[in-house]
Amino acid sequence: MRLPRLAKGTKARSTERDASAPGETRALYQVVGYLLPPLVALFIAGVAWEIWVRVADVPTYLIPAPSRIFERLFDGIGFFVKHGGITLGEALAGFALGSAVAIAGATIMAHSRLLERSLFPLAVLVKVTPIVAVAPLFVIWFGFGSFPKILIAALITFFPVLVNGLVGLRDVRTESLEFFRSVSASKREVYWKLRLPGSLPYLFAAFRISVPLAVIGAVVGEWFSGDRGLGSVIIVAHNNLDMPTLFSAIVTLAVIGIGLTIFVWYLERRVLFWHESNIIT
């Protein structure tokens, strides 16, 4: 009697896998559909760039050919991976710090209009202050280590997450809120079980914006206070008119930014599988 039940269970699991396979295939096709057009466009642009540089005989110290850039990149792959890893670590740390502070601030302002009117102008002030003006001050205050670069990345990450988090925490259905109140739910329960889950689509939209900005913030910090990281590589290469190295560092930054954006997009689809924007049709 046990064997038939085992076979039936095995058949049921097989049926579930078969049913989920079309959805996974569609998701794979969707990813390929997103990536293929820009890759083709980049390839065409690279070919046109290569032809133009060779035909016009443009000096390497002005604009190197893509073949020269990738030759430098692959010859020094360990060098760029090392400095790219440093920049990536600073960007991720700054993104985590800025996002945590922003979500905490959005939570406070979502529960008090008075605090929102008091604190939001300060957040706007942080947003409009040029990063290149703040970066030297952070170097003076906190030294030449990684900490000022993390702070700069956090600063540039802060505002988009704050605004989207505030909107998401406020965007609650009246019927849902009344239901929680009818069962005498506490403010903490309303926050954790209603407001925060409902704000996740807004937060992930902010994360997609903020992740590349955090990389930019880390690079700007390295311009002023770094002897390592891709920002310092770009500055040294610029001063030495070493354009192949400079463009190779830019390509490395582009790979980091694109990779982080794709990771956030993938994480959003896994976490917010229930949201209508992530339902595969």
Protein backbone atom coordinates (compact mmCIF):
# COMPACT_ATOMS: atom_id res chain seq x y z
CA MET A 1 0.00 0.00 0.00
CA ARG A 2 2.93 2.34 0.57
CA LEU A 3 4.41 1.93 -2.90
CA PRO A 4 1.36 3.26 -4.77
CA ARG A 5 1.23 6.28 -2.45
CA LEU A 6 4.92 6.92 -3.08
CA ALA A 7 4.42 6.67 -6.82
CA LYS A 8 1.42 8.96 -6.61
CA GLY A 9 3.40 11.54 -4.63
CA THR A 10 6.26 11.30 -7.11
CA LYS A 11 3.84 11.81 -9.96
CA ALA A 12 2.32 14.81 -8.22
CA ARG A 13 5.73 16.42 -7.74
CA SER A 14 6.57 15.72 -11.36
CA THR A 15 3.30 17.34 -12.41
CA GLU A 16 4.11 20.41 -10.33
CA ARG A 17 7.54 20.69 -11.95
CA ASP A 18 5.97 20.33 -15.39
CA ALA A 19 3.43 23.01 -14.57
CA SER A 20 6.09 25.42 -13.34
CA ALA A 21 8.40 24.77 -16.30
CA PRO A 22 6.47 26.95 -18.80
CA GLY A 23 6.57 29.88 -16.37
CA GLU A 24 10.33 29.49 -15.86
CA THR A 25 10.83 29.26 -19.63
CA ARG A 26 8.82 32.43 -20.17
CA ALA A 27 10.86 34.17 -17.49
CA LEU A 28 14.08 33.09 -19.24
CA TYR A 29 12.79 34.35 -22.57
CA GLN A 30 11.80 37.61 -20.91
CA VAL A 31 15.31 38.09 -19.48
CA VAL A 32 16.85 37.36 -22.88
CA GLY A 33 14.38 39.77 -24.44
CA TYR A 34 15.51 42.50 -22.03
CA LEU A 35 19.24 41.89 -22.46
CA LEU A 36 19.54 41.10 -26.17
CA PRO A 37 18.51 44.49 -27.68
CA PRO A 38 20.93 46.59 -25.59
CA LEU A 39 23.74 44.07 -26.17
CA VAL A 40 23.18 44.24 -29.93
CA ALA A 41 23.07 48.06 -29.76
CA LEU A 42 26.33 48.13 -27.76
CA PHE A 43 27.99 45.80 -30.25
CA ILE A 44 26.97 47.97 -33.20
CA ALA A 45 28.13 51.12 -31.40
CA GLY A 46 31.46 49.43 -30.57
CA VAL A 47 32.02 48.41 -34.18
CA ALA A 48 31.22 51.94 -35.39
CA TRP A 49 33.57 53.37 -32.75
CA GLU A 50 36.39 51.03 -33.80
CA ILE A 51 35.96 51.89 -37.48
CA TRP A 52 35.85 55.64 -36.79
CA VAL A 53 39.00 55.62 -34.64
CA ARG A 54 40.94 53.62 -37.23
CA VAL A 55 39.74 55.58 -40.27
CA ALA A 56 40.21 59.00 -38.63
CA ASP A 57 43.52 57.88 -37.05
CA VAL A 58 42.51 59.30 -33.67
CA PRO A 59 45.42 59.30 -31.17
CA THR A 60 45.11 56.83 -28.31
CA TYR A 61 45.64 59.57 -25.71
CA LEU A 62 42.40 61.20 -26.93
CA ILE A 63 40.05 58.28 -27.57
CA PRO A 64 41.31 54.68 -27.69
CA ALA A 65 39.71 52.06 -29.88
CA PRO A 66 37.45 49.50 -28.15
CA SER A 67 39.92 46.77 -29.08
CA ARG A 68 42.68 48.66 -27.25
CA ILE A 69 40.42 49.18 -24.22
CA PHE A 70 39.51 45.50 -23.93
CA GLU A 71 43.12 44.49 -24.52
CA ARG A 72 44.14 46.63 -21.53
CA LEU A 73 41.20 45.32 -19.50
CA PHE A 74 41.99 41.65 -20.04
CA ASP A 75 45.75 42.12 -19.66
CA GLY A 76 45.19 43.70 -16.23
CA ILE A 77 42.08 41.80 -15.22
CA GLY A 78 43.42 41.12 -11.72
CA PHE A 79 44.17 44.81 -11.23
CA PHE A 80 40.67 45.90 -12.22
CA VAL A 81 38.99 43.12 -10.24
CA LYS A 82 40.92 44.16 -7.13
CA HIS A 83 40.05 47.85 -7.37
CA GLY A 84 36.52 47.08 -8.59
CA GLY A 85 35.95 44.90 -5.53
CA ILE A 86 37.02 47.76 -3.26
CA THR A 87 34.63 50.18 -4.95
CA LEU A 88 31.85 47.57 -4.88
CA GLY A 89 32.29 46.99 -1.15
CA GLU A 90 32.18 50.71 -0.39
CA ALA A 91 29.11 51.18 -2.60
CA LEU A 92 27.20 48.29 -0.99
CA ALA A 93 28.06 49.47 2.52
CA GLY A 94 26.94 53.00 1.67
CA PHE A 95 23.77 51.71 0.02
CA ALA A 96 22.90 49.64 3.10
CA LEU A 97 23.58 52.51 5.48
CA GLY A 98 21.72 55.11 3.42
CA SER A 99 18.73 52.81 2.85
CA ALA A 100 18.47 51.89 6.55
CA VAL A 101 18.52 55.54 7.65
CA ALA A 102 16.04 56.48 4.91
CA ILE A 103 13.57 53.72 5.82
CA ALA A 104 13.81 54.70 9.49
CA GLY A 105 13.18 58.34 8.59
CA ALA A 106 10.26 57.42 6.31
CA THR A 107 8.75 55.35 9.13
CA ILE A 108 8.94 58.27 11.55
CA MET A 109 7.49 60.77 9.07
CA ALA A 110 4.74 58.37 7.95
CA HIS A 111 3.37 58.34 11.50
CA SER A 112 3.57 62.08 12.16
CA ARG A 113 2.69 64.94 9.82
CA LEU A 114 4.43 67.37 12.17
CA LEU A 115 7.70 65.44 11.97
CA GLU A 116 7.32 65.17 8.20
CA ARG A 117 6.98 68.97 7.87
CA SER A 118 9.96 69.41 10.20
CA LEU A 119 12.36 66.81 8.77
CA PHE A 120 11.56 66.66 5.06
CA PRO A 121 13.13 70.08 4.29
CA LEU A 122 16.35 68.80 5.87
CA ALA A 123 16.23 65.78 3.58
CA VAL A 124 15.76 68.08 0.59
CA LEU A 125 18.76 70.10 1.76
CA VAL A 126 20.83 66.92 1.80
CA LYS A 127 19.61 66.12 -1.71
CA VAL A 128 20.44 69.48 -3.28
CA THR A 129 23.89 69.78 -1.68
CA PRO A 130 26.50 68.91 -4.35
CA ILE A 131 28.41 65.75 -3.52
CA VAL A 132 31.66 67.24 -4.81
CA ALA A 133 31.30 69.99 -2.20
CA VAL A 134 30.68 67.56 0.67
CA ALA A 135 33.31 64.96 -0.24
CA PRO A 136 36.37 67.06 0.72
CA LEU A 137 34.77 67.86 4.08
CA PHE A 138 34.23 64.16 4.81
CA VAL A 139 37.90 63.54 4.02
CA ILE A 140 38.93 66.28 6.47
CA TRP A 141 36.57 65.02 9.18
CA PHE A 142 36.96 61.24 8.81
CA GLY A 143 40.35 60.71 7.17
CA PHE A 144 41.45 58.85 4.05
CA GLY A 145 40.03 55.39 4.76
CA SER A 146 36.90 53.75 3.42
CA PHE A 147 34.52 55.42 5.88
CA PRO A 148 34.16 58.79 4.06
CA LYS A 149 33.47 56.99 0.77
CA ILE A 150 30.79 54.89 2.47
CA LEU A 151 29.21 58.05 3.87
CA ILE A 152 29.18 59.70 0.45
CA ALA A 153 27.54 56.63 -1.09
CA ALA A 154 25.00 56.63 1.75
CA LEU A 155 24.31 60.32 1.24
CA ILE A 156 23.55 59.94 -2.44
CA THR A 157 21.40 56.86 -1.76
CA PHE A 158 19.36 58.41 1.05
CA PHE A 159 16.83 60.68 -0.68
CA PRO A 160 15.27 58.35 -3.31
CA VAL A 161 14.70 55.62 -0.70
CA LEU A 162 13.27 58.14 1.77
CA VAL A 163 10.74 59.58 -0.68
CA ASN A 164 9.60 56.23 -2.08
CA GLY A 165 9.48 54.68 1.39
CA LEU A 166 7.33 57.54 2.69
CA VAL A 167 4.91 57.26 -0.24
CA GLY A 168 4.75 53.48 0.12
CA LEU A 169 4.10 53.55 3.86
CA ARG A 170 1.30 56.07 3.34
CA ASP A 171 -0.25 54.20 0.41
CA VAL A 172 -2.50 51.91 2.44
CA ARG A 173 -6.01 50.84 1.46
CA THR A 174 -8.61 52.33 3.73
CA GLU A 175 -10.50 49.01 3.93
CA SER A 176 -7.37 47.14 5.01
CA LEU A 177 -6.54 49.74 7.63
CA GLU A 178 -10.09 49.66 8.98
CA PHE A 179 -9.94 45.88 9.18
CA PHE A 180 -6.76 45.99 11.27
CA ARG A 181 -8.33 48.56 13.54
CA SER A 182 -11.47 46.44 13.89
CA VAL A 183 -9.43 43.58 15.32
CA SER A 184 -7.63 46.00 17.70
CA ALA A 185 -4.25 45.64 15.98
CA SER A 186 -1.48 47.75 17.50
CA LYS A 187 0.46 50.33 15.50
CA ARG A 188 3.40 47.95 15.44
CA GLU A 189 1.27 45.17 13.95
CA VAL A 190 -0.19 47.56 11.38
CA TYR A 191 3.33 48.63 10.41
CA TRP A 192 4.88 45.17 10.12
CA LYS A 193 1.91 43.37 8.58
CA LEU A 194 0.30 46.08 6.44
CA ARG A 195 2.34 49.23 5.86
CA LEU A 196 5.80 47.74 5.34
CA PRO A 197 4.73 44.88 3.00
CA GLY A 198 2.65 47.35 0.99
CA SER A 199 5.62 49.70 0.64
CA LEU A 200 7.97 47.06 -0.80
CA PRO A 201 7.15 47.80 -4.48
CA TYR A 202 8.00 51.46 -3.87
CA LEU A 203 11.18 50.56 -1.99
CA PHE A 204 12.43 48.22 -4.70
CA ALA A 205 11.80 50.94 -7.29
CA ALA A 206 13.99 53.22 -5.16
CA PHE A 207 16.63 50.50 -4.79
CA ARG A 208 16.93 50.18 -8.58
CA ILE A 209 17.65 53.90 -8.72
CA SER A 210 19.90 54.07 -5.69
CA VAL A 211 22.21 51.10 -6.34
CA PRO A 212 23.98 52.71 -9.35
CA LEU A 213 24.02 56.04 -7.48
CA ALA A 214 25.84 54.37 -4.59
CA VAL A 215 28.55 53.24 -7.01
CA ILE A 216 28.86 56.82 -8.28
CA GLY A 217 29.10 58.09 -4.72
CA ALA A 218 31.90 55.66 -3.88
CA VAL A 219 33.82 56.71 -6.99
CA VAL A 220 33.44 60.41 -6.18
CA GLY A 221 34.75 59.73 -2.68
CA GLU A 222 37.75 57.91 -4.14
CA TRP A 223 38.56 60.91 -6.31
CA PHE A 224 39.21 62.98 -3.20
CA SER A 225 40.51 60.49 -0.68
CA GLY A 226 41.60 57.32 -2.37
CA ASP A 227 44.77 55.51 -3.25
CA ARG A 228 42.72 52.47 -4.18
CA GLY A 229 39.41 51.78 -5.89
CA LEU A 230 38.28 52.55 -9.42
CA GLY A 231 37.89 56.25 -8.65
CA SER A 232 41.59 56.57 -7.84
CA VAL A 233 42.44 54.49 -10.94
CA ILE A 234 40.47 56.94 -13.10
CA ILE A 235 42.18 59.99 -11.57
CA VAL A 236 45.71 58.55 -11.96
CA ALA A 237 45.03 57.39 -15.52
CA HIS A 238 43.60 60.83 -16.41
CA ASN A 239 46.66 62.61 -15.03
CA ASN A 240 48.94 60.28 -17.02
CA LEU A 241 46.81 60.51 -20.20
CA ASP A 242 46.47 56.73 -20.00
CA MET A 243 43.14 56.55 -21.77
CA PRO A 244 43.00 52.74 -22.22
CA THR A 245 43.26 52.30 -18.44
CA LEU A 246 40.74 55.07 -17.81
CA PHE A 247 38.18 53.57 -20.20
CA SER A 248 38.83 50.08 -18.81
CA ALA A 249 37.98 51.37 -15.33
CA ILE A 250 34.79 52.91 -16.75
CA VAL A 251 33.85 49.58 -18.34
CA THR A 252 34.43 47.86 -15.00
CA LEU A 253 32.17 50.40 -13.30
CA ALA A 254 29.50 49.83 -15.94
CA VAL A 255 29.65 46.06 -15.35
CA ILE A 256 29.32 46.60 -11.58
CA GLY A 257 26.36 48.97 -11.98
CA ILE A 258 24.54 46.77 -14.47
CA GLY A 259 25.17 43.66 -12.39
CA LEU A 260 23.81 45.28 -9.23
CA THR A 261 20.75 46.56 -11.08
CA ILE A 262 20.00 43.12 -12.51
CA PHE A 263 20.45 41.56 -9.06
CA VAL A 264 17.96 44.02 -7.51
CA TRP A 265 15.52 43.34 -10.35
CA TYR A 266 15.86 39.58 -9.81
CA LEU A 267 15.46 39.94 -6.05
CA GLU A 268 12.36 42.06 -6.57
CA ARG A 269 10.78 39.40 -8.76
CA ARG A 270 11.51 36.74 -6.15
CA VAL A 271 10.26 38.75 -3.17
CA LEU A 272 7.31 40.49 -4.86
CA PHE A 273 6.08 37.54 -6.91
CA TRP A 274 2.57 38.46 -5.78
CA HIS A 275 2.73 42.00 -7.18
CA GLU A 276 0.94 42.59 -10.48
CA SER A 277 4.02 44.18 -12.13
CA ASN A 278 5.94 40.92 -11.63
CA ILE A 279 3.29 38.49 -12.88
CA ILE A 280 4.47 36.86 -16.10
CA THR A 281 1.85 36.85 -18.83
